[in-house]
Amino acid sequence: MPITYRQAGVDIDAGDALVDRIGRLAKRTRIPEVLAGVGGFASLCALPSGLVDPILVSGTDGVGTKLKVAFATGVHDTVGVDLVAMCVNDVVTSGARPLFFLDYFATGKLDVDVAEAVIRGIAEGCAQAGCALVGGETAELPGMYAPGEYDLAGFSVGVVERAKLLDGTRARPGDVVIAVASSGLHSNGYSLARRVIEGEMGLGMDAELPELGGTVGQALLVPTRIYAKAVAALLGELGGEVHGLAHITGGGLPGNLPRVLPEGTGARVDLATYDRPAIFRVIERGGPVEEAELRRTFNLGVGLCAVVAPAAAERAIAALRGAGERAWLFGEVEPVAVEVAFEDRVRFAGA
């Protein structure tokens, strides 16, 4: 009897059904510059008109082991938001406007409903970022993944005028650091978080913790905050008075804030200026996990830092708050010796 592709583990009909659903989800993210999106061999997007010396800015990322929480809870419509956020938040640190996004979804056996939930989250993330979901790839790879599991990768492209590019060279001693709140762990440090919560604390994802205001799974699945529209508002208000933007991801503040500071400079930040979100306190106690390890693994409640001219601090905070973010004065850029180690260029006060 003839062997079919479906018998080998790949269901073409399921893939076609998913593409049809993706097309409907992508429509709500369309922007005027998109010429051709989902359905063709390639997607087409024009550059916005009126730009002087435009530069394309790209970013790619995944969601990491946060996916394990989605598998354990059966909640799949938030990790797509995370995927967009992790890419777009990197792109906007250059001052760029995100234009479009593509995804890669790979699984051993395609479950159309699960895949649609994931991509529904991706479409929601694109809507929050103001960029278009123009396409992607769905791969059914029998034997590559455990049953019920999948992997995600994302790719984002934005554009900025060369004269407005933020490249980490503008900051100077005396500039202020503005913190913008995270929504939680975002998409970093989940291997440590799960080791503590599931291993050391012996808790399942459905465990209720009053301190978290819900279950462990709910706290761990809070989507990554997308800062694209807030950054656009900030740059629209301050322009060249914004000297740097840092997305606080894996490596925490010590591993990310120095990336937008010129050689010979560092920053002093004050941890007493805000209340650390409860999920980080749970992980700290539950391990226990030492403070230094927390700082180099998690964002600790700060998802984005803006480095701005001192005279612009109040306007920067107002612009970010007006865009719906929680923002506050966090620290100051200071001179450091050139030989100071990268991560030591961030000094902490208020610990």
C-alpha atoms as a PDB file:
ATOM      1  CA  MET A   1       0.000   0.000   0.000  1.00  0.00           C
ATOM      2  CA  PRO A   2       1.412   3.468  -0.892  1.00  0.00           C
ATOM      3  CA  ILE A   3       2.902   5.536   1.928  1.00  0.00           C
ATOM      4  CA  THR A   4       1.687   9.125   2.397  1.00  0.00           C
ATOM      5  CA  TYR A   5       3.360  12.191   3.873  1.00  0.00           C
ATOM      6  CA  ARG A   6       0.723  12.151   6.639  1.00  0.00           C
ATOM      7  CA  GLN A   7       1.750   8.608   7.591  1.00  0.00           C
ATOM      8  CA  ALA A   8       5.313   9.899   7.852  1.00  0.00           C
ATOM      9  CA  GLY A   9       4.096  12.488  10.376  1.00  0.00           C
ATOM     10  CA  VAL A  10       3.426  15.602   8.284  1.00  0.00           C
ATOM     11  CA  ASP A  11      -0.162  16.747   7.715  1.00  0.00           C
ATOM     12  CA  ILE A  12      -0.287  19.112   4.729  1.00  0.00           C
ATOM     13  CA  ASP A  13      -4.016  19.711   5.184  1.00  0.00           C
ATOM     14  CA  ALA A  14      -3.485  20.878   8.771  1.00  0.00           C
ATOM     15  CA  GLY A  15      -0.754  23.228   7.586  1.00  0.00           C
ATOM     16  CA  ASP A  16      -3.040  24.687   4.924  1.00  0.00           C
ATOM     17  CA  ALA A  17      -5.802  25.182   7.489  1.00  0.00           C
ATOM     18  CA  LEU A  18      -3.379  27.057   9.749  1.00  0.00           C
ATOM     19  CA  VAL A  19      -2.211  29.338   6.931  1.00  0.00           C
ATOM     20  CA  ASP A  20      -5.842  30.292   6.305  1.00  0.00           C
ATOM     21  CA  ARG A  21      -6.287  31.210   9.966  1.00  0.00           C
ATOM     22  CA  ILE A  22      -2.996  33.142  10.037  1.00  0.00           C
ATOM     23  CA  GLY A  23      -4.120  35.260   7.103  1.00  0.00           C
ATOM     24  CA  ARG A  24      -7.155  36.421   9.043  1.00  0.00           C
ATOM     25  CA  LEU A  25      -5.066  37.213  12.127  1.00  0.00           C
ATOM     26  CA  ALA A  26      -2.484  39.147  10.121  1.00  0.00           C
ATOM     27  CA  LYS A  27      -5.057  41.468   8.547  1.00  0.00           C
ATOM     28  CA  ARG A  28      -5.496  43.465  11.759  1.00  0.00           C
ATOM     29  CA  THR A  29      -1.764  44.285  11.842  1.00  0.00           C
ATOM     30  CA  ARG A  30      -1.459  45.589   8.274  1.00  0.00           C
ATOM     31  CA  ILE A  31       0.261  48.958   7.811  1.00  0.00           C
ATOM     32  CA  PRO A  32       0.180  51.185   4.687  1.00  0.00           C
ATOM     33  CA  GLU A  33       3.736  50.256   3.694  1.00  0.00           C
ATOM     34  CA  VAL A  34       2.948  46.545   3.288  1.00  0.00           C
ATOM     35  CA  LEU A  35       2.545  45.616  -0.375  1.00  0.00           C
ATOM     36  CA  ALA A  36       2.205  41.845  -0.019  1.00  0.00           C
ATOM     37  CA  GLY A  37       2.060  39.796   3.144  1.00  0.00           C
ATOM     38  CA  VAL A  38       0.984  36.305   4.171  1.00  0.00           C
ATOM     39  CA  GLY A  39       0.496  33.788   1.369  1.00  0.00           C
ATOM     40  CA  GLY A  40       3.277  34.426  -1.111  1.00  0.00           C
ATOM     41  CA  PHE A  41       6.816  33.148  -1.242  1.00  0.00           C
ATOM     42  CA  ALA A  42       8.051  36.464   0.169  1.00  0.00           C
ATOM     43  CA  SER A  43       6.561  39.527   1.825  1.00  0.00           C
ATOM     44  CA  LEU A  44       6.947  43.046   0.453  1.00  0.00           C
ATOM     45  CA  CYS A  45       7.159  46.232   2.483  1.00  0.00           C
ATOM     46  CA  ALA A  46       8.041  49.707   1.236  1.00  0.00           C
ATOM     47  CA  LEU A  47       9.998  52.219   3.286  1.00  0.00           C
ATOM     48  CA  PRO A  48       7.850  55.017   4.739  1.00  0.00           C
ATOM     49  CA  SER A  49       7.878  58.110   2.545  1.00  0.00           C
ATOM     50  CA  GLY A  50       9.703  61.285   3.512  1.00  0.00           C
ATOM     51  CA  LEU A  51      12.622  59.696   5.356  1.00  0.00           C
ATOM     52  CA  VAL A  52      16.068  61.208   4.939  1.00  0.00           C
ATOM     53  CA  ASP A  53      18.891  58.646   4.637  1.00  0.00           C
ATOM     54  CA  PRO A  54      16.912  55.749   6.132  1.00  0.00           C
ATOM     55  CA  ILE A  55      18.657  52.820   7.842  1.00  0.00           C
ATOM     56  CA  LEU A  56      17.072  49.406   8.334  1.00  0.00           C
ATOM     57  CA  VAL A  57      17.333  47.950  11.836  1.00  0.00           C
ATOM     58  CA  SER A  58      16.762  44.242  12.474  1.00  0.00           C
ATOM     59  CA  GLY A  59      16.373  41.991  15.485  1.00  0.00           C
ATOM     60  CA  THR A  60      15.736  38.311  16.166  1.00  0.00           C
ATOM     61  CA  ASP A  61      14.991  36.359  19.334  1.00  0.00           C
ATOM     62  CA  GLY A  62      12.953  33.576  20.883  1.00  0.00           C
ATOM     63  CA  VAL A  63      10.995  33.007  24.082  1.00  0.00           C
ATOM     64  CA  GLY A  64      13.325  30.500  25.740  1.00  0.00           C
ATOM     65  CA  THR A  65      12.152  28.132  28.437  1.00  0.00           C
ATOM     66  CA  LYS A  66       9.131  30.299  29.180  1.00  0.00           C
ATOM     67  CA  LEU A  67       7.594  27.957  26.613  1.00  0.00           C
ATOM     68  CA  LYS A  68       7.806  25.189  29.234  1.00  0.00           C
ATOM     69  CA  VAL A  69       5.311  27.161  31.330  1.00  0.00           C
ATOM     70  CA  ALA A  70       2.962  27.406  28.354  1.00  0.00           C
ATOM     71  CA  PHE A  71       3.204  23.645  27.830  1.00  0.00           C
ATOM     72  CA  ALA A  72       2.535  22.948  31.519  1.00  0.00           C
ATOM     73  CA  THR A  73      -0.474  25.279  31.766  1.00  0.00           C
ATOM     74  CA  GLY A  74      -1.965  24.780  28.305  1.00  0.00           C
ATOM     75  CA  VAL A  75      -2.021  28.567  27.847  1.00  0.00           C
ATOM     76  CA  HIS A  76      -0.545  29.397  24.451  1.00  0.00           C
ATOM     77  CA  ASP A  77      -1.922  32.841  23.515  1.00  0.00           C
ATOM     78  CA  THR A  78       0.585  34.955  25.467  1.00  0.00           C
ATOM     79  CA  VAL A  79       3.991  33.596  24.410  1.00  0.00           C
ATOM     80  CA  GLY A  80       3.389  35.083  20.959  1.00  0.00           C
ATOM     81  CA  VAL A  81       3.278  38.532  22.554  1.00  0.00           C
ATOM     82  CA  ASP A  82       6.590  37.701  24.238  1.00  0.00           C
ATOM     83  CA  LEU A  83       8.109  36.714  20.905  1.00  0.00           C
ATOM     84  CA  VAL A  84       7.268  40.053  19.309  1.00  0.00           C
ATOM     85  CA  ALA A  85       8.335  41.984  22.389  1.00  0.00           C
ATOM     86  CA  MET A  86      11.776  40.416  22.623  1.00  0.00           C
ATOM     87  CA  CYS A  87      12.545  41.382  19.025  1.00  0.00           C
ATOM     88  CA  VAL A  88      10.806  44.744  18.785  1.00  0.00           C
ATOM     89  CA  ASN A  89      12.129  46.054  22.107  1.00  0.00           C
ATOM     90  CA  ASP A  90      15.659  45.488  20.801  1.00  0.00           C
ATOM     91  CA  VAL A  91      14.904  47.254  17.514  1.00  0.00           C
ATOM     92  CA  VAL A  92      13.458  50.382  19.151  1.00  0.00           C
ATOM     93  CA  THR A  93      16.610  50.955  21.227  1.00  0.00           C
ATOM     94  CA  SER A  94      18.178  52.259  18.009  1.00  0.00           C
ATOM     95  CA  GLY A  95      15.421  54.836  17.731  1.00  0.00           C
ATOM     96  CA  ALA A  96      13.766  52.835  14.962  1.00  0.00           C
ATOM     97  CA  ARG A  97      10.108  52.446  14.145  1.00  0.00           C
ATOM     98  CA  PRO A  98       9.257  48.719  13.806  1.00  0.00           C
ATOM     99  CA  LEU A  99       7.855  47.995  10.347  1.00  0.00           C
ATOM    100  CA  PHE A 100       7.205  44.279  10.100  1.00  0.00           C
ATOM    101  CA  PHE A 101       7.582  40.948  11.849  1.00  0.00           C
ATOM    102  CA  LEU A 102       7.958  37.305  10.809  1.00  0.00           C
ATOM    103  CA  ASP A 103       7.796  34.176  12.953  1.00  0.00           C
ATOM    104  CA  TYR A 104       9.091  30.604  12.835  1.00  0.00           C
ATOM    105  CA  PHE A 105       6.916  27.980  14.547  1.00  0.00           C
ATOM    106  CA  ALA A 106       8.261  24.415  14.681  1.00  0.00           C
ATOM    107  CA  THR A 107       6.637  21.353  16.236  1.00  0.00           C
ATOM    108  CA  GLY A 108       6.679  17.579  15.994  1.00  0.00           C
ATOM    109  CA  LYS A 109       2.976  17.227  15.190  1.00  0.00           C
ATOM    110  CA  LEU A 110       0.933  20.266  14.219  1.00  0.00           C
ATOM    111  CA  ASP A 111      -2.034  21.049  16.457  1.00  0.00           C
ATOM    112  CA  VAL A 112      -3.843  23.747  14.492  1.00  0.00           C
ATOM    113  CA  ASP A 113      -5.691  25.141  17.519  1.00  0.00           C
ATOM    114  CA  VAL A 114      -2.501  25.488  19.588  1.00  0.00           C
ATOM    115  CA  ALA A 115      -0.606  27.033  16.692  1.00  0.00           C
ATOM    116  CA  GLU A 116      -3.436  29.473  16.049  1.00  0.00           C
ATOM    117  CA  ALA A 117      -3.413  30.508  19.728  1.00  0.00           C
ATOM    118  CA  VAL A 118       0.328  31.188  19.543  1.00  0.00           C
ATOM    119  CA  ILE A 119      -0.007  33.216  16.358  1.00  0.00           C
ATOM    120  CA  ARG A 120      -2.992  35.080  17.777  1.00  0.00           C
ATOM    121  CA  GLY A 121      -0.584  36.268  20.460  1.00  0.00           C
ATOM    122  CA  ILE A 122       1.959  37.219  17.809  1.00  0.00           C
ATOM    123  CA  ALA A 123      -0.691  39.288  16.023  1.00  0.00           C
ATOM    124  CA  GLU A 124      -1.612  40.963  19.309  1.00  0.00           C
ATOM    125  CA  GLY A 125       2.060  41.778  19.914  1.00  0.00           C
ATOM    126  CA  CYS A 126       2.379  43.273  16.445  1.00  0.00           C
ATOM    127  CA  ALA A 127      -0.732  45.389  17.038  1.00  0.00           C
ATOM    128  CA  GLN A 128       0.783  46.671  20.301  1.00  0.00           C
ATOM    129  CA  ALA A 129       4.059  47.469  18.516  1.00  0.00           C
ATOM    130  CA  GLY A 130       2.391  49.087  15.503  1.00  0.00           C
ATOM    131  CA  CYS A 131       4.135  46.754  13.061  1.00  0.00           C
ATOM    132  CA  ALA A 132       2.765  44.311  10.499  1.00  0.00           C
ATOM    133  CA  LEU A 133       2.781  40.525  10.739  1.00  0.00           C
ATOM    134  CA  VAL A 134       3.775  39.832   7.134  1.00  0.00           C
ATOM    135  CA  GLY A 135       4.552  36.119   7.180  1.00  0.00           C
ATOM    136  CA  GLY A 136       6.599  33.343   8.673  1.00  0.00           C
ATOM    137  CA  GLU A 137       7.174  29.624   8.562  1.00  0.00           C
ATOM    138  CA  THR A 138       5.351  26.695  10.151  1.00  0.00           C
ATOM    139  CA  ALA A 139       7.458  23.534  10.269  1.00  0.00           C
ATOM    140  CA  GLU A 140       6.109  20.110  11.203  1.00  0.00           C
ATOM    141  CA  LEU A 141       9.158  18.033  12.136  1.00  0.00           C
ATOM    142  CA  PRO A 142       8.256  14.519  13.337  1.00  0.00           C
ATOM    143  CA  GLY A 143      10.640  13.193  15.954  1.00  0.00           C
ATOM    144  CA  MET A 144      12.308  16.531  16.658  1.00  0.00           C
ATOM    145  CA  TYR A 145      10.145  17.667  19.572  1.00  0.00           C
ATOM    146  CA  ALA A 146       8.402  16.006  22.498  1.00  0.00           C
ATOM    147  CA  PRO A 147       4.644  15.525  22.048  1.00  0.00           C
ATOM    148  CA  GLY A 148       2.747  18.749  22.722  1.00  0.00           C
ATOM    149  CA  GLU A 149       5.837  20.944  22.502  1.00  0.00           C
ATOM    150  CA  TYR A 150       7.007  23.522  19.966  1.00  0.00           C
ATOM    151  CA  ASP A 151       9.667  26.175  19.505  1.00  0.00           C
ATOM    152  CA  LEU A 152       9.431  29.783  18.390  1.00  0.00           C
ATOM    153  CA  ALA A 153      11.732  32.312  16.773  1.00  0.00           C
ATOM    154  CA  GLY A 154      10.916  35.829  15.652  1.00  0.00           C
ATOM    155  CA  PHE A 155      12.384  38.385  13.277  1.00  0.00           C
ATOM    156  CA  SER A 156      11.658  42.120  13.197  1.00  0.00           C
ATOM    157  CA  VAL A 157      12.762  44.927  10.876  1.00  0.00           C
ATOM    158  CA  GLY A 158      12.434  48.643  11.569  1.00  0.00           C
ATOM    159  CA  VAL A 159      13.677  51.897  10.096  1.00  0.00           C
ATOM    160  CA  VAL A 160      15.312  55.074  11.400  1.00  0.00           C
ATOM    161  CA  GLU A 161      16.885  58.112   9.776  1.00  0.00           C
ATOM    162  CA  ARG A 162      20.670  58.083  10.101  1.00  0.00           C
ATOM    163  CA  ALA A 163      20.715  61.454  11.892  1.00  0.00           C
ATOM    164  CA  LYS A 164      18.319  60.106  14.542  1.00  0.00           C
ATOM    165  CA  LEU A 165      20.089  56.783  15.089  1.00  0.00           C
ATOM    166  CA  LEU A 166      20.834  55.919  18.733  1.00  0.00           C
ATOM    167  CA  ASP A 167      24.108  53.999  18.711  1.00  0.00           C
ATOM    168  CA  GLY A 168      25.416  54.235  22.265  1.00  0.00           C
ATOM    169  CA  THR A 169      27.792  57.139  21.676  1.00  0.00           C
ATOM    170  CA  ARG A 170      25.749  60.112  22.882  1.00  0.00           C
ATOM    171  CA  ALA A 171      25.559  59.490  26.637  1.00  0.00           C
ATOM    172  CA  ARG A 172      27.845  61.506  28.898  1.00  0.00           C
ATOM    173  CA  PRO A 173      28.486  61.875  32.632  1.00  0.00           C
ATOM    174  CA  GLY A 174      25.701  63.809  34.293  1.00  0.00           C
ATOM    175  CA  ASP A 175      22.974  62.353  32.072  1.00  0.00           C
ATOM    176  CA  VAL A 176      20.091  60.802  34.005  1.00  0.00           C
ATOM    177  CA  VAL A 177      18.784  57.259  33.746  1.00  0.00           C
ATOM    178  CA  ILE A 178      15.008  56.877  33.566  1.00  0.00           C
ATOM    179  CA  ALA A 179      13.584  53.449  34.431  1.00  0.00           C
ATOM    180  CA  VAL A 180      10.486  52.032  32.724  1.00  0.00           C
ATOM    181  CA  ALA A 181       8.717  49.243  34.578  1.00  0.00           C
ATOM    182  CA  SER A 182       8.649  45.666  33.365  1.00  0.00           C
ATOM    183  CA  SER A 183       5.533  43.520  33.629  1.00  0.00           C
ATOM    184  CA  GLY A 184       7.450  40.770  35.448  1.00  0.00           C
ATOM    185  CA  LEU A 185      10.156  38.354  34.362  1.00  0.00           C
ATOM    186  CA  HIS A 186       9.449  39.141  30.688  1.00  0.00           C
ATOM    187  CA  SER A 187      11.180  36.263  28.833  1.00  0.00           C
ATOM    188  CA  ASN A 188      14.483  35.846  30.652  1.00  0.00           C
ATOM    189  CA  GLY A 189      15.739  33.743  33.528  1.00  0.00           C
ATOM    190  CA  TYR A 190      13.049  31.067  33.316  1.00  0.00           C
ATOM    191  CA  SER A 191      15.440  28.173  33.785  1.00  0.00           C
ATOM    192  CA  LEU A 192      16.414  29.598  37.182  1.00  0.00           C
ATOM    193  CA  ALA A 193      12.848  30.628  38.029  1.00  0.00           C
ATOM    194  CA  ARG A 194      11.494  27.155  37.275  1.00  0.00           C
ATOM    195  CA  ARG A 195      14.346  25.474  39.142  1.00  0.00           C
ATOM    196  CA  VAL A 196      13.450  27.480  42.240  1.00  0.00           C
ATOM    197  CA  ILE A 197       9.651  27.267  42.006  1.00  0.00           C
ATOM    198  CA  GLU A 198       9.234  23.702  40.777  1.00  0.00           C
ATOM    199  CA  GLY A 199      12.411  22.244  42.271  1.00  0.00           C
ATOM    200  CA  GLU A 200      13.319  23.969  45.529  1.00  0.00           C
ATOM    201  CA  MET A 201       9.777  25.074  46.436  1.00  0.00           C
ATOM    202  CA  GLY A 202       8.043  21.999  45.005  1.00  0.00           C
ATOM    203  CA  LEU A 203       5.192  24.046  43.511  1.00  0.00           C
ATOM    204  CA  GLY A 204       3.156  23.251  40.424  1.00  0.00           C
ATOM    205  CA  MET A 205       2.007  25.866  37.961  1.00  0.00           C
ATOM    206  CA  ASP A 206      -1.490  25.746  39.442  1.00  0.00           C
ATOM    207  CA  ALA A 207      -0.294  26.550  42.972  1.00  0.00           C
ATOM    208  CA  GLU A 208      -1.907  29.662  44.438  1.00  0.00           C
ATOM    209  CA  LEU A 209       0.377  32.188  46.114  1.00  0.00           C
ATOM    210  CA  PRO A 210      -1.450  35.157  47.702  1.00  0.00           C
ATOM    211  CA  GLU A 211       1.674  37.276  47.261  1.00  0.00           C
ATOM    212  CA  LEU A 212       1.368  36.834  43.486  1.00  0.00           C
ATOM    213  CA  GLY A 213      -2.347  37.514  43.380  1.00  0.00           C
ATOM    214  CA  GLY A 214      -3.008  34.242  41.548  1.00  0.00           C
ATOM    215  CA  THR A 215      -1.302  31.064  40.482  1.00  0.00           C
ATOM    216  CA  VAL A 216       2.379  30.572  39.806  1.00  0.00           C
ATOM    217  CA  GLY A 217       1.608  29.836  36.158  1.00  0.00           C
ATOM    218  CA  GLN A 218      -0.335  33.068  35.766  1.00  0.00           C
ATOM    219  CA  ALA A 219       2.527  35.087  37.244  1.00  0.00           C
ATOM    220  CA  LEU A 220       5.116  33.423  35.019  1.00  0.00           C
ATOM    221  CA  LEU A 221       3.046  33.862  31.848  1.00  0.00           C
ATOM    222  CA  VAL A 222       2.465  37.623  32.149  1.00  0.00           C
ATOM    223  CA  PRO A 223       3.477  38.856  28.673  1.00  0.00           C
ATOM    224  CA  THR A 224       6.587  40.926  28.109  1.00  0.00           C
ATOM    225  CA  ARG A 225       5.857  44.628  27.959  1.00  0.00           C
ATOM    226  CA  ILE A 226       6.193  46.105  24.453  1.00  0.00           C
ATOM    227  CA  TYR A 227       7.770  49.575  24.547  1.00  0.00           C
ATOM    228  CA  ALA A 228       7.541  50.604  20.873  1.00  0.00           C
ATOM    229  CA  LYS A 229       4.781  53.184  21.233  1.00  0.00           C
ATOM    230  CA  ALA A 230       6.231  54.575  24.464  1.00  0.00           C
ATOM    231  CA  VAL A 231       9.638  54.993  22.819  1.00  0.00           C
ATOM    232  CA  ALA A 232       8.002  56.739  19.864  1.00  0.00           C
ATOM    233  CA  ALA A 233       6.287  59.143  22.267  1.00  0.00           C
ATOM    234  CA  LEU A 234       9.550  59.752  24.135  1.00  0.00           C
ATOM    235  CA  LEU A 235      11.532  60.455  20.977  1.00  0.00           C
ATOM    236  CA  GLY A 236       8.727  62.613  19.623  1.00  0.00           C
ATOM    237  CA  GLU A 237       8.817  64.752  22.749  1.00  0.00           C
ATOM    238  CA  LEU A 238      12.573  64.899  23.424  1.00  0.00           C
ATOM    239  CA  GLY A 239      14.249  64.174  20.085  1.00  0.00           C
ATOM    240  CA  GLY A 240      18.009  64.523  20.395  1.00  0.00           C
ATOM    241  CA  GLU A 241      17.834  64.885  24.168  1.00  0.00           C
ATOM    242  CA  VAL A 242      17.442  61.095  24.347  1.00  0.00           C
ATOM    243  CA  HIS A 243      21.024  59.813  24.413  1.00  0.00           C
ATOM    244  CA  GLY A 244      20.458  56.072  24.769  1.00  0.00           C
ATOM    245  CA  LEU A 245      17.897  53.301  25.248  1.00  0.00           C
ATOM    246  CA  ALA A 246      18.634  49.937  26.856  1.00  0.00           C
ATOM    247  CA  HIS A 247      16.345  46.904  26.740  1.00  0.00           C
ATOM    248  CA  ILE A 248      16.909  45.050  30.032  1.00  0.00           C
ATOM    249  CA  THR A 249      16.910  41.351  29.130  1.00  0.00           C
ATOM    250  CA  GLY A 250      19.168  38.413  30.031  1.00  0.00           C
ATOM    251  CA  GLY A 251      22.112  39.739  32.027  1.00  0.00           C
ATOM    252  CA  GLY A 252      19.912  42.232  33.856  1.00  0.00           C
ATOM    253  CA  LEU A 253      20.973  45.820  34.386  1.00  0.00           C
ATOM    254  CA  PRO A 254      24.724  45.035  34.641  1.00  0.00           C
ATOM    255  CA  GLY A 255      24.690  43.172  31.333  1.00  0.00           C
ATOM    256  CA  ASN A 256      22.580  45.602  29.321  1.00  0.00           C
ATOM    257  CA  LEU A 257      22.763  49.205  30.505  1.00  0.00           C
ATOM    258  CA  PRO A 258      26.515  49.523  29.688  1.00  0.00           C
ATOM    259  CA  ARG A 259      25.740  48.553  26.073  1.00  0.00           C
ATOM    260  CA  VAL A 260      24.403  52.083  25.464  1.00  0.00           C
ATOM    261  CA  LEU A 261      27.132  53.919  27.394  1.00  0.00           C
ATOM    262  CA  PRO A 262      30.397  55.054  25.772  1.00  0.00           C
ATOM    263  CA  GLU A 263      33.714  53.694  26.976  1.00  0.00           C
ATOM    264  CA  GLY A 264      34.832  55.430  30.153  1.00  0.00           C
ATOM    265  CA  THR A 265      31.301  55.851  31.478  1.00  0.00           C
ATOM    266  CA  GLY A 266      29.020  53.817  33.707  1.00  0.00           C
ATOM    267  CA  ALA A 267      25.855  54.360  35.687  1.00  0.00           C
ATOM    268  CA  ARG A 268      24.792  54.492  39.314  1.00  0.00           C
ATOM    269  CA  VAL A 269      21.201  53.303  39.804  1.00  0.00           C
ATOM    270  CA  ASP A 270      19.103  53.374  42.964  1.00  0.00           C
ATOM    271  CA  LEU A 271      17.097  50.219  43.715  1.00  0.00           C
ATOM    272  CA  ALA A 272      15.266  52.056  46.512  1.00  0.00           C
ATOM    273  CA  THR A 273      13.368  54.170  43.980  1.00  0.00           C
ATOM    274  CA  TYR A 274      10.738  51.473  43.335  1.00  0.00           C
ATOM    275  CA  ASP A 275       9.153  48.356  44.800  1.00  0.00           C
ATOM    276  CA  ARG A 276      10.476  45.122  43.332  1.00  0.00           C
ATOM    277  CA  PRO A 277       7.617  43.001  41.869  1.00  0.00           C
ATOM    278  CA  ALA A 278       6.472  40.074  43.985  1.00  0.00           C
ATOM    279  CA  ILE A 279       7.607  37.334  41.592  1.00  0.00           C
ATOM    280  CA  PHE A 280      11.248  38.321  42.163  1.00  0.00           C
ATOM    281  CA  ARG A 281      10.814  38.241  45.936  1.00  0.00           C
ATOM    282  CA  VAL A 282       9.314  34.753  45.693  1.00  0.00           C
ATOM    283  CA  ILE A 283      12.293  33.525  43.653  1.00  0.00           C
ATOM    284  CA  GLU A 284      14.790  35.209  45.990  1.00  0.00           C
ATOM    285  CA  ARG A 285      13.347  33.551  49.091  1.00  0.00           C
ATOM    286  CA  GLY A 286      12.467  30.253  47.462  1.00  0.00           C
ATOM    287  CA  GLY A 287      15.970  29.400  46.288  1.00  0.00           C
ATOM    288  CA  PRO A 288      17.335  31.141  48.101  1.00  0.00           C
ATOM    289  CA  VAL A 289      18.992  33.164  45.332  1.00  0.00           C
ATOM    290  CA  GLU A 290      21.643  35.726  46.219  1.00  0.00           C
ATOM    291  CA  GLU A 291      21.144  39.363  45.283  1.00  0.00           C
ATOM    292  CA  ALA A 292      24.103  39.433  42.879  1.00  0.00           C
ATOM    293  CA  GLU A 293      22.685  36.448  41.000  1.00  0.00           C
ATOM    294  CA  LEU A 294      19.249  38.054  40.815  1.00  0.00           C
ATOM    295  CA  ARG A 295      20.752  41.238  39.366  1.00  0.00           C
ATOM    296  CA  ARG A 296      22.679  39.452  36.607  1.00  0.00           C
ATOM    297  CA  THR A 297      19.787  37.133  35.655  1.00  0.00           C
ATOM    298  CA  PHE A 298      16.547  39.133  35.861  1.00  0.00           C
ATOM    299  CA  ASN A 299      15.288  42.614  35.010  1.00  0.00           C
ATOM    300  CA  LEU A 300      14.051  42.970  38.642  1.00  0.00           C
ATOM    301  CA  GLY A 301      11.147  45.142  37.536  1.00  0.00           C
ATOM    302  CA  VAL A 302      12.967  47.442  35.091  1.00  0.00           C
ATOM    303  CA  GLY A 303      12.317  46.510  31.475  1.00  0.00           C
ATOM    304  CA  LEU A 304      13.774  49.557  29.721  1.00  0.00           C
ATOM    305  CA  CYS A 305      16.180  52.360  30.619  1.00  0.00           C
ATOM    306  CA  ALA A 306      16.322  55.716  28.874  1.00  0.00           C
ATOM    307  CA  VAL A 307      19.450  57.847  29.175  1.00  0.00           C
ATOM    308  CA  VAL A 308      18.520  61.497  28.706  1.00  0.00           C
ATOM    309  CA  ALA A 309      19.958  64.968  29.174  1.00  0.00           C
ATOM    310  CA  PRO A 310      19.487  66.172  32.788  1.00  0.00           C
ATOM    311  CA  ALA A 311      17.257  69.074  31.825  1.00  0.00           C
ATOM    312  CA  ALA A 312      14.919  66.698  29.997  1.00  0.00           C
ATOM    313  CA  ALA A 313      14.283  64.286  32.876  1.00  0.00           C
ATOM    314  CA  GLU A 314      10.839  65.548  33.894  1.00  0.00           C
ATOM    315  CA  ARG A 315       9.621  65.742  30.295  1.00  0.00           C
ATOM    316  CA  ALA A 316      10.936  62.241  29.628  1.00  0.00           C
ATOM    317  CA  ILE A 317       9.061  60.788  32.573  1.00  0.00           C
ATOM    318  CA  ALA A 318       5.901  62.667  31.589  1.00  0.00           C
ATOM    319  CA  ALA A 319       6.107  61.428  27.994  1.00  0.00           C
ATOM    320  CA  LEU A 320       6.541  57.817  29.087  1.00  0.00           C
ATOM    321  CA  ARG A 321       3.740  58.029  31.619  1.00  0.00           C
ATOM    322  CA  GLY A 322       1.531  59.670  29.008  1.00  0.00           C
ATOM    323  CA  ALA A 323       2.132  56.626  26.807  1.00  0.00           C
ATOM    324  CA  GLY A 324       0.856  54.361  29.570  1.00  0.00           C
ATOM    325  CA  GLU A 325       4.150  53.301  31.158  1.00  0.00           C
ATOM    326  CA  ARG A 326       5.300  53.509  34.758  1.00  0.00           C
ATOM    327  CA  ALA A 327       8.530  55.508  34.678  1.00  0.00           C
ATOM    328  CA  TRP A 328      10.734  57.154  37.281  1.00  0.00           C
ATOM    329  CA  LEU A 329      14.134  58.751  37.886  1.00  0.00           C
ATOM    330  CA  PHE A 330      16.478  55.830  38.469  1.00  0.00           C
ATOM    331  CA  GLY A 331      20.077  56.998  38.392  1.00  0.00           C
ATOM    332  CA  GLU A 332      22.851  58.932  36.700  1.00  0.00           C
ATOM    333  CA  VAL A 333      25.649  58.363  34.206  1.00  0.00           C
ATOM    334  CA  GLU A 334      29.085  58.740  35.767  1.00  0.00           C
ATOM    335  CA  PRO A 335      32.710  58.467  34.639  1.00  0.00           C
ATOM    336  CA  VAL A 336      34.510  55.150  35.239  1.00  0.00           C
ATOM    337  CA  ALA A 337      38.033  53.967  34.591  1.00  0.00           C
ATOM    338  CA  VAL A 338      38.480  52.326  31.193  1.00  0.00           C
ATOM    339  CA  GLU A 339      39.793  49.144  32.810  1.00  0.00           C
ATOM    340  CA  VAL A 340      36.608  48.610  34.855  1.00  0.00           C
ATOM    341  CA  ALA A 341      34.908  45.319  33.875  1.00  0.00           C
ATOM    342  CA  PHE A 342      31.814  45.594  31.690  1.00  0.00           C
ATOM    343  CA  GLU A 343      29.242  44.509  34.292  1.00  0.00           C
ATOM    344  CA  ASP A 344      30.943  46.552  37.035  1.00  0.00           C
ATOM    345  CA  ARG A 345      30.137  49.721  35.096  1.00  0.00           C
ATOM    346  CA  VAL A 346      26.729  49.637  36.789  1.00  0.00           C
ATOM    347  CA  ARG A 347      26.840  50.530  40.505  1.00  0.00           C
ATOM    348  CA  PHE A 348      23.853  49.845  42.739  1.00  0.00           C
ATOM    349  CA  ALA A 349      22.585  51.991  45.572  1.00  0.00           C
ATOM    350  CA  GLY A 350      19.608  51.399  47.844  1.00  0.00           C
ATOM    351  CA  ALA A 351      20.107  47.624  48.007  1.00  0.00           C
END
